[in-house]
Amino acid sequence: MNKPPSKNADIKELSFERALKELETIVSRLERGDVELEESITIYERGEALREHCDRLLKQAEARVEKLTVGNGVPRGLEPLDPE
């Protein structure tokens, strides 16, 4: 039995920047309170899915940076990507 596609399935295709921008828009709308109750619930759920997607992408990027900071098989610790 196949699961129906999630209403937020498109989120998986978004870049971090696009997902974050959409999340910021949702938060702004919710903070202003200019949406009806049902719509606020719907966009809150989408916002939660966007937050999880952004968190997953950040963790993946962090893991890649950690791999880059390992030299000769000996961990050198975490180093900032831009060491200024």
PDB file of N, CA and C in Angstrom:
ATOM      1  N   MET A   1       0.841  -1.178   0.000  1.00  0.00           N
ATOM      2  CA  MET A   1       0.000   0.000   0.000  1.00  0.00           C
ATOM      3  C   MET A   1       0.887   1.242   0.000  1.00  0.00           C
ATOM      4  N   ASN A   2       0.745   2.090  -1.001  1.00  0.00           N
ATOM      5  CA  ASN A   2       1.540   3.312  -1.116  1.00  0.00           C
ATOM      6  C   ASN A   2       0.962   4.414  -0.260  1.00  0.00           C
ATOM      7  N   LYS A   3       1.878   5.157   0.390  1.00  0.00           N
ATOM      8  CA  LYS A   3       1.461   6.317   1.161  1.00  0.00           C
ATOM      9  C   LYS A   3       1.188   7.465   0.208  1.00  0.00           C
ATOM     10  N   PRO A   4       0.126   8.243   0.475  1.00  0.00           N
ATOM     11  CA  PRO A   4      -0.077   9.418  -0.380  1.00  0.00           C
ATOM     12  C   PRO A   4       1.048  10.419  -0.146  1.00  0.00           C
ATOM     13  N   PRO A   5       1.415  11.181  -1.171  1.00  0.00           N
ATOM     14  CA  PRO A   5       2.510  12.140  -0.989  1.00  0.00           C
ATOM     15  C   PRO A   5       2.140  13.176   0.069  1.00  0.00           C
ATOM     16  N   SER A   6       3.115  13.557   0.839  1.00  0.00           N
ATOM     17  CA  SER A   6       2.922  14.564   1.877  1.00  0.00           C
ATOM     18  C   SER A   6       2.611  15.900   1.228  1.00  0.00           C
ATOM     19  N   LYS A   7       1.775  16.704   1.891  1.00  0.00           N
ATOM     20  CA  LYS A   7       1.450  18.017   1.335  1.00  0.00           C
ATOM     21  C   LYS A   7       2.664  18.939   1.364  1.00  0.00           C
ATOM     22  N   ASN A   8       3.705  18.550   2.110  1.00  0.00           N
ATOM     23  CA  ASN A   8       4.932  19.333   2.172  1.00  0.00           C
ATOM     24  C   ASN A   8       6.093  18.621   1.477  1.00  0.00           C
ATOM     25  N   ALA A   9       5.777  17.721   0.567  1.00  0.00           N
ATOM     26  CA  ALA A   9       6.812  16.934  -0.105  1.00  0.00           C
ATOM     27  C   ALA A   9       7.780  17.806  -0.898  1.00  0.00           C
ATOM     28  N   ASP A  10       7.317  18.955  -1.376  1.00  0.00           N
ATOM     29  CA  ASP A  10       8.169  19.832  -2.174  1.00  0.00           C
ATOM     30  C   ASP A  10       9.318  20.422  -1.374  1.00  0.00           C
ATOM     31  N   ILE A  11       9.203  20.432  -0.073  1.00  0.00           N
ATOM     32  CA  ILE A  11      10.229  21.023   0.788  1.00  0.00           C
ATOM     33  C   ILE A  11      11.571  20.322   0.610  1.00  0.00           C
ATOM     34  N   LYS A  12      11.551  19.027   0.387  1.00  0.00           N
ATOM     35  CA  LYS A  12      12.792  18.266   0.236  1.00  0.00           C
ATOM     36  C   LYS A  12      13.644  18.759  -0.921  1.00  0.00           C
ATOM     37  N   GLU A  13      13.024  19.422  -1.883  1.00  0.00           N
ATOM     38  CA  GLU A  13      13.743  19.913  -3.063  1.00  0.00           C
ATOM     39  C   GLU A  13      14.289  21.326  -2.872  1.00  0.00           C
ATOM     40  N   LEU A  14      13.897  22.005  -1.799  1.00  0.00           N
ATOM     41  CA  LEU A  14      14.311  23.392  -1.590  1.00  0.00           C
ATOM     42  C   LEU A  14      15.743  23.484  -1.088  1.00  0.00           C
ATOM     43  N   SER A  15      16.434  24.509  -1.555  1.00  0.00           N
ATOM     44  CA  SER A  15      17.761  24.798  -1.009  1.00  0.00           C
ATOM     45  C   SER A  15      17.571  25.351   0.398  1.00  0.00           C
ATOM     46  N   PHE A  16      18.650  25.381   1.154  1.00  0.00           N
ATOM     47  CA  PHE A  16      18.587  25.927   2.512  1.00  0.00           C
ATOM     48  C   PHE A  16      18.082  27.371   2.477  1.00  0.00           C
ATOM     49  N   GLU A  17      18.622  28.167   1.571  1.00  0.00           N
ATOM     50  CA  GLU A  17      18.280  29.585   1.507  1.00  0.00           C
ATOM     51  C   GLU A  17      16.803  29.806   1.177  1.00  0.00           C
ATOM     52  N   ARG A  18      16.274  29.039   0.230  1.00  0.00           N
ATOM     53  CA  ARG A  18      14.861  29.187  -0.136  1.00  0.00           C
ATOM     54  C   ARG A  18      13.960  28.722   0.992  1.00  0.00           C
ATOM     55  N   ALA A  19      14.328  27.626   1.645  1.00  0.00           N
ATOM     56  CA  ALA A  19      13.520  27.121   2.762  1.00  0.00           C
ATOM     57  C   ALA A  19      13.523  28.118   3.915  1.00  0.00           C
ATOM     58  N   LEU A  20      14.691  28.689   4.206  1.00  0.00           N
ATOM     59  CA  LEU A  20      14.791  29.659   5.295  1.00  0.00           C
ATOM     60  C   LEU A  20      13.975  30.907   4.982  1.00  0.00           C
ATOM     61  N   LYS A  21      14.023  31.371   3.747  1.00  0.00           N
ATOM     62  CA  LYS A  21      13.255  32.557   3.346  1.00  0.00           C
ATOM     63  C   LYS A  21      11.760  32.311   3.521  1.00  0.00           C
ATOM     64  N   GLU A  22      11.291  31.139   3.091  1.00  0.00           N
ATOM     65  CA  GLU A  22       9.876  30.810   3.241  1.00  0.00           C
ATOM     66  C   GLU A  22       9.503  30.699   4.719  1.00  0.00           C
ATOM     67  N   LEU A  23      10.381  30.102   5.504  1.00  0.00           N
ATOM     68  CA  LEU A  23      10.132  29.993   6.943  1.00  0.00           C
ATOM     69  C   LEU A  23      10.028  31.375   7.581  1.00  0.00           C
ATOM     70  N   GLU A  24      10.907  32.292   7.194  1.00  0.00           N
ATOM     71  CA  GLU A  24      10.853  33.661   7.719  1.00  0.00           C
ATOM     72  C   GLU A  24       9.534  34.334   7.357  1.00  0.00           C
ATOM     73  N   THR A  25       9.042  34.094   6.146  1.00  0.00           N
ATOM     74  CA  THR A  25       7.765  34.664   5.720  1.00  0.00           C
ATOM     75  C   THR A  25       6.625  34.114   6.570  1.00  0.00           C
ATOM     76  N   ILE A  26       6.643  32.824   6.819  1.00  0.00           N
ATOM     77  CA  ILE A  26       5.601  32.200   7.642  1.00  0.00           C
ATOM     78  C   ILE A  26       5.624  32.764   9.054  1.00  0.00           C
ATOM     79  N   VAL A  27       6.798  32.859   9.640  1.00  0.00           N
ATOM     80  CA  VAL A  27       6.914  33.396  11.000  1.00  0.00           C
ATOM     81  C   VAL A  27       6.389  34.828  11.047  1.00  0.00           C
ATOM     82  N   SER A  28       6.736  35.610  10.059  1.00  0.00           N
ATOM     83  CA  SER A  28       6.281  36.998  10.001  1.00  0.00           C
ATOM     84  C   SER A  28       4.755  37.069   9.928  1.00  0.00           C
ATOM     85  N   ARG A  29       4.158  36.245   9.091  1.00  0.00           N
ATOM     86  CA  ARG A  29       2.691  36.233   8.968  1.00  0.00           C
ATOM     87  C   ARG A  29       2.041  35.808  10.268  1.00  0.00           C
ATOM     88  N   LEU A  30       2.594  34.806  10.912  1.00  0.00           N
ATOM     89  CA  LEU A  30       2.018  34.341  12.179  1.00  0.00           C
ATOM     90  C   LEU A  30       2.159  35.399  13.265  1.00  0.00           C
ATOM     91  N   GLU A  31       3.300  36.081  13.296  1.00  0.00           N
ATOM     92  CA  GLU A  31       3.514  37.126  14.303  1.00  0.00           C
ATOM     93  C   GLU A  31       2.569  38.299  14.100  1.00  0.00           C
ATOM     94  N   ARG A  32       2.293  38.649  12.853  1.00  0.00           N
ATOM     95  CA  ARG A  32       1.371  39.755  12.569  1.00  0.00           C
ATOM     96  C   ARG A  32      -0.063  39.377  12.891  1.00  0.00           C
ATOM     97  N   GLY A  33      -0.352  38.081  12.832  1.00  0.00           N
ATOM     98  CA  GLY A  33      -1.705  37.612  13.125  1.00  0.00           C
ATOM     99  C   GLY A  33      -2.705  37.927  12.035  1.00  0.00           C
ATOM    100  N   ASP A  34      -2.244  38.055  10.802  1.00  0.00           N
ATOM    101  CA  ASP A  34      -3.149  38.420   9.710  1.00  0.00           C
ATOM    102  C   ASP A  34      -3.673  37.214   8.930  1.00  0.00           C
ATOM    103  N   VAL A  35      -3.716  36.053   9.562  1.00  0.00           N
ATOM    104  CA  VAL A  35      -4.233  34.854   8.902  1.00  0.00           C
ATOM    105  C   VAL A  35      -5.339  34.237   9.769  1.00  0.00           C
ATOM    106  N   GLU A  36      -6.265  33.616   9.094  1.00  0.00           N
ATOM    107  CA  GLU A  36      -7.361  32.925   9.775  1.00  0.00           C
ATOM    108  C   GLU A  36      -6.814  31.723  10.541  1.00  0.00           C
ATOM    109  N   LEU A  37      -7.570  31.258  11.501  1.00  0.00           N
ATOM    110  CA  LEU A  37      -7.126  30.158  12.364  1.00  0.00           C
ATOM    111  C   LEU A  37      -6.715  28.918  11.572  1.00  0.00           C
ATOM    112  N   GLU A  38      -7.571  28.462  10.671  1.00  0.00           N
ATOM    113  CA  GLU A  38      -7.250  27.245   9.899  1.00  0.00           C
ATOM    114  C   GLU A  38      -5.993  27.423   9.066  1.00  0.00           C
ATOM    115  N   GLU A  39      -5.856  28.582   8.422  1.00  0.00           N
ATOM    116  CA  GLU A  39      -4.656  28.827   7.616  1.00  0.00           C
ATOM    117  C   GLU A  39      -3.425  28.913   8.506  1.00  0.00           C
ATOM    118  N   SER A  40      -3.571  29.495   9.692  1.00  0.00           N
ATOM    119  CA  SER A  40      -2.417  29.606  10.583  1.00  0.00           C
ATOM    120  C   SER A  40      -1.931  28.225  11.009  1.00  0.00           C
ATOM    121  N   ILE A  41      -2.860  27.307  11.207  1.00  0.00           N
ATOM    122  CA  ILE A  41      -2.470  25.933  11.558  1.00  0.00           C
ATOM    123  C   ILE A  41      -1.736  25.291  10.388  1.00  0.00           C
ATOM    124  N   THR A  42      -2.254  25.479   9.183  1.00  0.00           N
ATOM    125  CA  THR A  42      -1.643  24.902   7.983  1.00  0.00           C
ATOM    126  C   THR A  42      -0.240  25.454   7.761  1.00  0.00           C
ATOM    127  N   ILE A  43      -0.103  26.790   7.853  1.00  0.00           N
ATOM    128  CA  ILE A  43       1.227  27.353   7.593  1.00  0.00           C
ATOM    129  C   ILE A  43       2.179  27.076   8.746  1.00  0.00           C
ATOM    130  N   TYR A  44       1.654  26.919   9.962  1.00  0.00           N
ATOM    131  CA  TYR A  44       2.517  26.529  11.083  1.00  0.00           C
ATOM    132  C   TYR A  44       3.098  25.142  10.827  1.00  0.00           C
ATOM    133  N   GLU A  45       2.257  24.214  10.360  1.00  0.00           N
ATOM    134  CA  GLU A  45       2.738  22.856  10.053  1.00  0.00           C
ATOM    135  C   GLU A  45       3.797  22.906   8.959  1.00  0.00           C
ATOM    136  N   ARG A  46       3.584  23.730   7.944  1.00  0.00           N
ATOM    137  CA  ARG A  46       4.583  23.858   6.877  1.00  0.00           C
ATOM    138  C   ARG A  46       5.866  24.464   7.440  1.00  0.00           C
ATOM    139  N   GLY A  47       5.718  25.460   8.307  1.00  0.00           N
ATOM    140  CA  GLY A  47       6.879  26.075   8.936  1.00  0.00           C
ATOM    141  C   GLY A  47       7.686  25.068   9.732  1.00  0.00           C
ATOM    142  N   GLU A  48       7.013  24.190  10.425  1.00  0.00           N
ATOM    143  CA  GLU A  48       7.697  23.159  11.199  1.00  0.00           C
ATOM    144  C   GLU A  48       8.461  22.216  10.262  1.00  0.00           C
ATOM    145  N   ALA A  49       7.855  21.855   9.132  1.00  0.00           N
ATOM    146  CA  ALA A  49       8.536  20.999   8.150  1.00  0.00           C
ATOM    147  C   ALA A  49       9.735  21.733   7.547  1.00  0.00           C
ATOM    148  N   LEU A  50       9.591  23.025   7.293  1.00  0.00           N
ATOM    149  CA  LEU A  50      10.707  23.817   6.770  1.00  0.00           C
ATOM    150  C   LEU A  50      11.845  23.895   7.782  1.00  0.00           C
ATOM    151  N   ARG A  51      11.502  24.084   9.060  1.00  0.00           N
ATOM    152  CA  ARG A  51      12.520  24.160  10.109  1.00  0.00           C
ATOM    153  C   ARG A  51      13.296  22.846  10.187  1.00  0.00           C
ATOM    154  N   GLU A  52      12.583  21.728  10.121  1.00  0.00           N
ATOM    155  CA  GLU A  52      13.243  20.423  10.161  1.00  0.00           C
ATOM    156  C   GLU A  52      14.158  20.238   8.954  1.00  0.00           C
ATOM    157  N   HIS A  53      13.713  20.691   7.791  1.00  0.00           N
ATOM    158  CA  HIS A  53      14.521  20.583   6.565  1.00  0.00           C
ATOM    159  C   HIS A  53      15.794  21.419   6.700  1.00  0.00           C
ATOM    160  N   CYS A  54      15.651  22.659   7.182  1.00  0.00           N
ATOM    161  CA  CYS A  54      16.813  23.530   7.364  1.00  0.00           C
ATOM    162  C   CYS A  54      17.783  22.922   8.373  1.00  0.00           C
ATOM    163  N   ASP A  55      17.249  22.381   9.453  1.00  0.00           N
ATOM    164  CA  ASP A  55      18.092  21.762  10.477  1.00  0.00           C
ATOM    165  C   ASP A  55      18.863  20.579   9.897  1.00  0.00           C
ATOM    166  N   ARG A  56      18.192  19.769   9.092  1.00  0.00           N
ATOM    167  CA  ARG A  56      18.835  18.607   8.464  1.00  0.00           C
ATOM    168  C   ARG A  56      19.955  19.058   7.520  1.00  0.00           C
ATOM    169  N   LEU A  57      19.679  20.102   6.718  1.00  0.00           N
ATOM    170  CA  LEU A  57      20.699  20.601   5.800  1.00  0.00           C
ATOM    171  C   LEU A  57      21.889  21.188   6.552  1.00  0.00           C
ATOM    172  N   LEU A  58      21.637  21.885   7.655  1.00  0.00           N
ATOM    173  CA  LEU A  58      22.736  22.437   8.448  1.00  0.00           C
ATOM    174  C   LEU A  58      23.596  21.331   9.049  1.00  0.00           C
ATOM    175  N   LYS A  59      22.956  20.275   9.534  1.00  0.00           N
ATOM    176  CA  LYS A  59      23.713  19.155  10.101  1.00  0.00           C
ATOM    177  C   LYS A  59      24.565  18.472   9.038  1.00  0.00           C
ATOM    178  N   GLN A  60      24.018  18.352   7.827  1.00  0.00           N
ATOM    179  CA  GLN A  60      24.793  17.760   6.733  1.00  0.00           C
ATOM    180  C   GLN A  60      26.000  18.632   6.397  1.00  0.00           C
ATOM    181  N   ALA A  61      25.793  19.943   6.355  1.00  0.00           N
ATOM    182  CA  ALA A  61      26.896  20.856   6.056  1.00  0.00           C
ATOM    183  C   ALA A  61      27.939  20.807   7.161  1.00  0.00           C
ATOM    184  N   GLU A  62      27.494  20.747   8.401  1.00  0.00           N
ATOM    185  CA  GLU A  62      28.426  20.664   9.534  1.00  0.00           C
ATOM    186  C   GLU A  62      29.265  19.392   9.454  1.00  0.00           C
ATOM    187  N   ALA A  63      28.628  18.284   9.084  1.00  0.00           N
ATOM    188  CA  ALA A  63      29.364  17.017   8.955  1.00  0.00           C
ATOM    189  C   ALA A  63      30.414  17.119   7.850  1.00  0.00           C
ATOM    190  N   ARG A  64      30.082  17.790   6.764  1.00  0.00           N
ATOM    191  CA  ARG A  64      31.047  17.951   5.673  1.00  0.00           C
ATOM    192  C   ARG A  64      32.225  18.815   6.107  1.00  0.00           C
ATOM    193  N   VAL A  65      31.947  19.881   6.866  1.00  0.00           N
ATOM    194  CA  VAL A  65      33.019  20.748   7.357  1.00  0.00           C
ATOM    195  C   VAL A  65      33.911  19.981   8.324  1.00  0.00           C
ATOM    196  N   GLU A  66      33.299  19.166   9.190  1.00  0.00           N
ATOM    197  CA  GLU A  66      34.094  18.355  10.120  1.00  0.00           C
ATOM    198  C   GLU A  66      35.024  17.417   9.366  1.00  0.00           C
ATOM    199  N   LYS A  67      34.555  16.819   8.272  1.00  0.00           N
ATOM    200  CA  LYS A  67      35.413  15.937   7.474  1.00  0.00           C
ATOM    201  C   LYS A  67      36.592  16.710   6.904  1.00  0.00           C
ATOM    202  N   LEU A  68      36.349  17.945   6.509  1.00  0.00           N
ATOM    203  CA  LEU A  68      37.409  18.761   5.922  1.00  0.00           C
ATOM    204  C   LEU A  68      38.471  19.147   6.940  1.00  0.00           C
ATOM    205  N   THR A  69      38.126  19.142   8.221  1.00  0.00           N
ATOM    206  CA  THR A  69      39.075  19.567   9.244  1.00  0.00           C
ATOM    207  C   THR A  69      39.850  18.394   9.832  1.00  0.00           C
ATOM    208  N   VAL A  70      39.680  17.215   9.263  1.00  0.00           N
ATOM    209  CA  VAL A  70      40.426  16.049   9.731  1.00  0.00           C
ATOM    210  C   VAL A  70      41.632  15.877   8.808  1.00  0.00           C
ATOM    211  N   GLY A  71      42.829  15.871   9.393  1.00  0.00           N
ATOM    212  CA  GLY A  71      44.037  15.723   8.587  1.00  0.00           C
ATOM    213  C   GLY A  71      44.802  14.475   8.972  1.00  0.00           C
ATOM    214  N   ASN A  72      45.242  13.717   8.012  1.00  0.00           N
ATOM    215  CA  ASN A  72      46.028  12.500   8.228  1.00  0.00           C
ATOM    216  C   ASN A  72      45.361  11.526   9.187  1.00  0.00           C
ATOM    217  N   GLY A  73      44.047  11.503   9.164  1.00  0.00           N
ATOM    218  CA  GLY A  73      43.321  10.583  10.031  1.00  0.00           C
ATOM    219  C   GLY A  73      43.299  10.989  11.486  1.00  0.00           C
ATOM    220  N   VAL A  74      43.903  12.120  11.819  1.00  0.00           N
ATOM    221  CA  VAL A  74      43.923  12.598  13.204  1.00  0.00           C
ATOM    222  C   VAL A  74      43.037  13.830  13.295  1.00  0.00           C
ATOM    223  N   PRO A  75      41.974  13.757  14.098  1.00  0.00           N
ATOM    224  CA  PRO A  75      41.100  14.926  14.207  1.00  0.00           C
ATOM    225  C   PRO A  75      41.860  16.148  14.725  1.00  0.00           C
ATOM    226  N   ARG A  76      41.646  17.254  14.048  1.00  0.00           N
ATOM    227  CA  ARG A  76      42.255  18.504  14.490  1.00  0.00           C
ATOM    228  C   ARG A  76      41.242  19.367  15.212  1.00  0.00           C
ATOM    229  N   GLY A  77      40.056  18.865  15.377  1.00  0.00           N
ATOM    230  CA  GLY A  77      39.005  19.635  16.018  1.00  0.00           C
ATOM    231  C   GLY A  77      38.217  20.408  14.997  1.00  0.00           C
ATOM    232  N   LEU A  78      37.219  21.088  15.469  1.00  0.00           N
ATOM    233  CA  LEU A  78      36.382  21.882  14.583  1.00  0.00           C
ATOM    234  C   LEU A  78      37.039  23.231  14.368  1.00  0.00           C
ATOM    235  N   GLU A  79      37.040  23.654  13.147  1.00  0.00           N
ATOM    236  CA  GLU A  79      37.586  24.965  12.806  1.00  0.00           C
ATOM    237  C   GLU A  79      36.500  25.734  12.068  1.00  0.00           C
ATOM    238  N   PRO A  80      36.390  27.032  12.292  1.00  0.00           N
ATOM    239  CA  PRO A  80      35.400  27.804  11.558  1.00  0.00           C
ATOM    240  C   PRO A  80      35.714  27.792  10.076  1.00  0.00           C
ATOM    241  N   LEU A  81      34.647  27.831   9.281  1.00  0.00           N
ATOM    242  CA  LEU A  81      34.817  27.831   7.838  1.00  0.00           C
ATOM    243  C   LEU A  81      35.524  29.105   7.394  1.00  0.00           C
ATOM    244  N   ASP A  82      35.219  30.238   8.028  1.00  0.00           N
ATOM    245  CA  ASP A  82      35.863  31.513   7.743  1.00  0.00           C
ATOM    246  C   ASP A  82      36.564  31.976   9.012  1.00  0.00           C
ATOM    247  N   PRO A  83      37.835  31.664   9.193  1.00  0.00           N
ATOM    248  CA  PRO A  83      38.523  31.881  10.479  1.00  0.00           C
ATOM    249  C   PRO A  83      38.867  33.325  10.831  1.00  0.00           C
ATOM    250  N   GLU A  84      38.113  34.296  10.341  1.00  0.00           N
ATOM    251  CA  GLU A  84      38.418  35.698  10.667  1.00  0.00           C
ATOM    252  C   GLU A  84      38.133  36.000  12.087  1.00  0.00           C
TER     253      GLU A  84
END
